[in-house]
Protein backbone atom coordinates (compact mmCIF):
# COMPACT_ATOMS: atom_id res chain seq x y z
CA MET A 1 121.15 70.72 85.75
CA ASN A 2 117.24 71.91 85.73
CA ILE A 3 117.39 75.51 85.47
CA LYS A 4 114.37 76.64 85.48
CA LYS A 5 113.69 75.98 88.73
CA TYR A 6 115.76 78.46 90.05
CA ILE A 7 114.11 81.16 88.14
CA PRO A 8 111.20 81.68 90.44
CA ASN A 9 113.78 82.27 93.39
CA LEU A 10 116.33 84.26 91.71
CA LEU A 11 113.26 86.42 91.54
CA THR A 12 112.37 86.26 94.49
CA LEU A 13 115.93 87.27 95.27
CA GLY A 14 115.28 90.16 93.51
CA ASN A 15 112.60 91.36 95.50
CA LEU A 16 115.32 91.17 99.00
CA LEU A 17 117.72 92.88 97.17
CA CYS A 18 115.44 95.68 96.14
CA GLY A 19 114.20 95.95 99.59
CA THR A 20 117.71 95.68 101.58
CA ILE A 21 118.66 98.67 99.69
CA ALA A 22 115.31 100.58 100.18
CA THR A 23 116.21 100.38 103.74
CA VAL A 24 119.54 102.12 103.21
CA PHE A 25 117.49 105.47 101.75
CA ALA A 26 114.45 104.81 104.15
CA ILE A 27 117.17 105.44 106.48
CA LYS A 28 119.05 108.06 104.87
CA GLY A 29 115.05 109.39 104.27
CA ASP A 30 115.09 109.73 100.79
CA PHE A 31 111.74 108.66 100.04
CA PHE A 32 111.37 108.63 96.44
CA ALA A 33 114.05 106.41 96.21
CA THR A 34 112.67 103.91 98.99
CA ALA A 35 109.12 103.96 96.96
CA ILE A 36 110.66 103.42 93.74
CA LEU A 37 112.72 100.04 95.19
CA VAL A 38 109.72 98.77 97.31
CA MET A 39 107.41 99.29 94.27
CA THR A 40 110.28 97.42 92.34
CA GLY A 41 110.74 94.69 94.75
CA ILE A 42 106.92 94.11 94.91
CA LEU A 43 107.13 93.43 90.78
CA PHE A 44 109.53 90.94 91.68
CA ASP A 45 107.01 89.51 94.25
CA PHE A 46 104.32 89.32 91.93
CA PHE A 47 106.25 87.73 89.39
CA ASP A 48 108.16 85.03 91.26
CA GLY A 49 105.02 82.99 92.31
CA PHE A 50 103.24 84.00 88.28
CA ALA A 51 106.87 81.96 87.04
CA ALA A 52 106.88 79.29 89.50
CA ARG A 53 103.14 78.65 88.69
CA MET A 54 104.17 78.65 84.83
CA LEU A 55 107.18 76.82 85.39
CA ASN A 56 105.57 74.65 87.80
CA VAL A 57 108.29 74.33 89.66
CA GLN A 58 106.55 75.68 93.37
CA GLY A 59 108.51 74.29 96.90
CA GLU A 60 108.72 74.93 100.27
CA LEU A 61 112.32 76.73 99.53
CA GLY A 62 110.59 79.39 97.29
CA LYS A 63 107.77 79.42 99.74
CA GLN A 64 110.14 80.51 102.82
CA LEU A 65 112.17 82.72 100.77
CA ASP A 66 109.39 84.63 99.64
CA SER A 67 108.57 85.21 102.92
CA LEU A 68 111.60 86.21 104.02
CA ALA A 69 112.33 89.09 101.21
CA ASP A 70 108.92 90.12 101.93
CA MET A 71 109.77 90.59 105.64
CA VAL A 72 112.30 93.13 104.35
CA THR A 73 110.63 95.30 101.66
CA SER A 74 106.78 94.93 102.75
CA GLY A 75 108.33 94.46 106.87
CA VAL A 76 111.05 96.48 107.84
CA VAL A 77 110.56 99.02 105.04
CA PRO A 78 107.62 100.31 105.93
CA GLY A 79 108.14 100.04 109.48
CA ILE A 80 111.21 102.46 108.99
CA VAL A 81 109.24 104.76 106.66
CA MET A 82 107.07 105.11 109.46
CA MET A 83 109.58 105.73 111.97
CA GLN A 84 110.78 108.49 110.08
CA MET A 85 107.66 110.27 109.18
CA LEU A 86 106.92 109.97 112.95
CA VAL A 87 110.05 111.97 113.99
CA ASN A 88 108.83 114.97 111.80
CA ALA A 89 105.57 114.97 113.35
CA PHE A 90 106.82 114.96 116.51
CA ASP A 91 108.60 117.82 115.95
CA VAL A 92 112.50 116.09 116.90
CA ASP A 93 116.10 115.82 115.34
CA ALA A 94 115.90 112.29 115.03
CA VAL A 95 115.20 109.01 117.36
CA GLY A 96 117.27 108.81 120.96
CA TYR A 97 118.75 105.75 122.00
CA PHE A 98 116.77 104.18 124.37
CA GLY A 99 116.33 107.26 126.91
CA VAL A 100 120.28 108.45 126.32
CA ASP A 101 119.67 111.55 124.35
CA THR A 102 122.41 111.04 121.22
CA TYR A 103 121.19 113.64 119.20
CA GLY A 104 121.01 116.60 120.86
CA ALA A 105 118.26 117.70 122.92
CA THR A 106 115.29 117.42 120.63
CA GLY A 107 115.69 113.23 120.14
CA SER A 108 112.84 111.32 121.00
CA ASN A 109 112.54 107.75 121.45
CA LEU A 110 108.21 107.94 120.43
CA PRO A 111 109.10 107.60 116.65
CA TYR A 112 110.16 104.23 117.46
CA LEU A 113 106.31 102.87 117.44
CA GLY A 114 106.16 103.46 113.76
CA LEU A 115 108.17 99.78 113.92
CA ILE A 116 105.15 98.37 115.03
CA LEU A 117 103.97 97.89 111.92
CA THR A 118 107.24 95.67 110.87
CA LEU A 119 106.18 93.33 114.03
CA GLY A 120 102.88 92.78 112.54
CA ALA A 121 104.25 92.04 109.14
CA GLY A 122 106.23 89.73 110.60
CA TYR A 123 103.65 87.76 112.46
CA ARG A 124 101.83 87.79 109.81
CA LEU A 125 103.87 86.72 106.90
CA ALA A 126 104.70 83.69 109.90
CA LYS A 127 101.21 83.26 109.95
CA PHE A 128 100.75 82.86 106.04
CA ASN A 129 102.97 80.16 105.42
CA ILE A 130 101.39 77.57 107.64
CA ASP A 131 97.55 78.58 106.82
CA GLU A 132 96.32 76.90 104.03
CA ARG A 133 93.56 78.70 103.32
CA GLN A 134 95.42 81.28 102.00
CA SER A 135 96.34 79.89 98.41
CA ASP A 136 93.41 81.81 97.09
CA SER A 137 92.53 84.30 98.19
CA PHE A 138 94.15 86.30 101.84
CA ILE A 139 93.17 86.15 105.34
CA GLY A 140 94.15 89.40 106.36
CA VAL A 141 95.84 92.90 104.61
CA PRO A 142 98.75 91.77 102.40
CA THR A 143 102.25 92.99 103.50
CA PRO A 144 102.41 94.29 100.31
CA ALA A 145 99.71 96.40 100.15
CA MET A 146 100.35 97.91 103.95
CA SER A 147 104.03 98.77 102.35
CA LEU A 148 102.27 100.51 99.41
CA PHE A 149 100.30 102.53 101.55
CA VAL A 150 102.64 103.62 104.18
CA ILE A 151 105.51 104.77 101.79
CA SER A 152 102.98 106.65 99.56
CA LEU A 153 102.43 109.00 102.24
CA PRO A 154 105.86 110.86 102.65
CA LEU A 155 105.30 110.81 98.62
CA ILE A 156 102.22 112.88 98.69
CA ALA A 157 103.73 114.69 101.44
CA GLN A 158 106.46 115.96 98.83
CA PHE A 159 105.08 115.60 95.80
CA ASP A 160 101.47 116.84 96.13
CA LYS A 161 101.18 119.84 99.13
CA GLU A 162 97.73 121.14 98.01
CA SER A 163 96.12 117.39 99.16
CA PHE A 164 93.73 117.14 102.10
CA PHE A 165 96.05 114.65 103.25
CA ILE A 166 98.55 117.16 104.11
CA GLY A 167 97.26 117.81 107.38
CA LEU A 168 96.91 114.29 108.52
CA ILE A 169 100.14 112.98 107.05
CA GLU A 170 101.83 115.29 109.50
CA ASN A 171 99.90 114.65 112.60
CA GLN A 172 101.31 111.88 114.83
CA TYR A 173 97.78 110.84 116.03
CA PHE A 174 97.16 109.90 112.55
CA LEU A 175 99.98 107.99 111.49
CA LEU A 176 100.02 106.25 115.60
CA ILE A 177 96.37 104.69 114.22
CA ILE A 178 97.40 104.00 110.58
CA THR A 179 99.87 101.91 112.56
CA ALA A 180 98.05 100.20 114.91
CA LEU A 181 95.27 99.98 112.43
CA PHE A 182 97.17 97.75 109.58
CA THR A 183 99.39 96.06 112.50
CA TYR A 184 95.26 94.69 113.18
CA LEU A 185 94.31 94.27 110.05
CA MET A 186 97.56 92.38 108.69
CA ASN A 187 96.42 89.70 111.37
CA ALA A 188 93.28 90.03 111.53
CA GLU A 189 90.75 87.12 110.76
CA ILE A 190 89.26 89.09 107.66
CA PRO A 191 88.85 87.56 104.08
CA LEU A 192 90.23 89.95 101.22
CA PHE A 193 90.15 88.81 97.84
CA SER A 194 93.28 88.07 95.35
CA LEU A 195 94.68 89.54 92.21
CA LYS A 196 94.95 86.08 90.87
CA PHE A 197 93.02 84.97 87.71
CA LYS A 198 91.84 81.38 87.02
CA ASN A 199 90.04 82.68 84.40
CA PHE A 200 89.29 85.70 82.54
CA SER A 201 85.32 86.05 82.72
CA PHE A 202 84.19 88.79 83.91
CA LYS A 203 81.07 86.45 85.94
CA ASP A 204 83.93 84.71 87.86
CA ASN A 205 85.42 88.27 88.79
CA VAL A 206 83.45 90.91 88.92
CA ILE A 207 85.28 92.42 91.81
CA LYS A 208 88.52 92.08 90.47
CA TYR A 209 88.23 94.05 87.49
CA VAL A 210 85.65 96.93 89.38
CA PHE A 211 88.66 96.94 91.82
CA LEU A 212 90.98 97.44 88.74
CA VAL A 213 88.92 99.78 86.86
CA LEU A 214 88.27 101.99 89.88
CA SER A 215 92.07 101.79 90.60
CA VAL A 216 92.95 103.27 86.82
CA VAL A 217 90.10 106.00 87.69
CA LEU A 218 91.66 107.44 90.87
CA ILE A 219 95.51 107.24 89.40
CA ILE A 220 93.83 109.43 86.62
CA THR A 221 92.20 111.61 88.75
CA LEU A 222 94.04 111.83 91.97
CA LYS A 223 97.51 110.38 90.73
CA ILE A 224 99.75 109.88 94.10
CA VAL A 225 97.27 110.54 96.41
CA ALA A 226 95.48 107.67 94.30
CA VAL A 227 97.65 104.98 96.28
CA PRO A 228 96.39 105.19 100.04
CA MET A 229 93.13 105.54 98.21
CA ILE A 230 93.23 102.30 96.27
CA ILE A 231 93.99 100.44 99.45
CA LEU A 232 91.28 101.45 101.19
CA SER A 233 88.99 100.44 98.24
CA TYR A 234 90.77 96.81 98.27
CA VAL A 235 89.80 96.80 102.18
CA VAL A 236 86.48 98.27 101.59
CA LEU A 237 85.59 95.86 98.19
CA SER A 238 86.75 92.83 99.86
CA PHE A 239 84.10 93.70 102.98
CA VAL A 240 81.02 94.28 100.34
CA ASN A 241 82.95 90.83 98.26
CA ASN A 242 82.43 89.30 101.45
CA SER A 243 78.81 90.49 102.08
CA ASP A 244 77.37 89.92 98.72
CA LYS A 245 78.90 86.09 99.01
CA LYS A 246 77.20 85.34 102.72
CA LEU A 247 73.77 86.49 101.15
CA SER A 248 73.69 84.37 98.67
CA SER A 249 75.21 81.41 100.61
CA LYS A 250 71.52 82.33 102.38
C-alpha cells in the first residue's frame, strides 16, 4: 500500500474537521474559538497542496475533497459569523424563523443576508475546480482570504475596542456592503497573485516579497486590525501588479 498518497487527503480532512467544529462555535457566538479553528483549517489547506506537490501524488480526488473542505471552513463558517454580526448590528436577539418569530419580540430574518457569503463561496469553489487558468494564480479573491477578513471583524470588536473600525463593524450597512463586496470579488474576473513560490528569486517574486514584508509591518503595528488590512492590501497589490504587467507588455 502506498501510504504517502493518503497524506495530503488526511491533511484536507483536518481542514474539514476544523471547519465543522468552527461551525458549532460560530453558531454559539464564540468567535475566538471560531477564528482559531478557521486559521488552523487554512493551515491544513495550505499544507495539503504543499504535501501533494512534494510527494507527487496530486489527483482529482484531492482536488474535489479540497474544495469540499474549503466550502465548510471558508464558506459556511464566515457566512454564519457574518449572520451573527448582523444579529448584533440590527440589535435583535436572534434570527427569526422565516417570518415566524420563535425567539420573542426581537427576532428578525434580515441577518440571514450574511449567508450570501456562503453562496458566493460555493459558486467560486465550483468554478475553481473547472477553471484551468488558476494553477499558478487566482481569478477572484480566494475563499480563505474572504474567510480571514470576516472572522477578524468580531475579534477586533472584542479585543481592540479603541480601534477606528469599531463604528463600522457595528454598522449593519457596512456589514451588508462587505457581504456584497466579497461575494462579488470572489467571483469577479480579477487576476490575483498566488503566494506559491516556484523559486525564491527576488526579481521573479517582487510582489510576493513586498506583500509579505507589508503584512509583517501591519501585524506589528496594528495587531488584530492588521488582518482585514492585509487582505485589502493583497487585493490592491494585485491590481498594481496587473497594471505593471499591462504596461510592460505594451
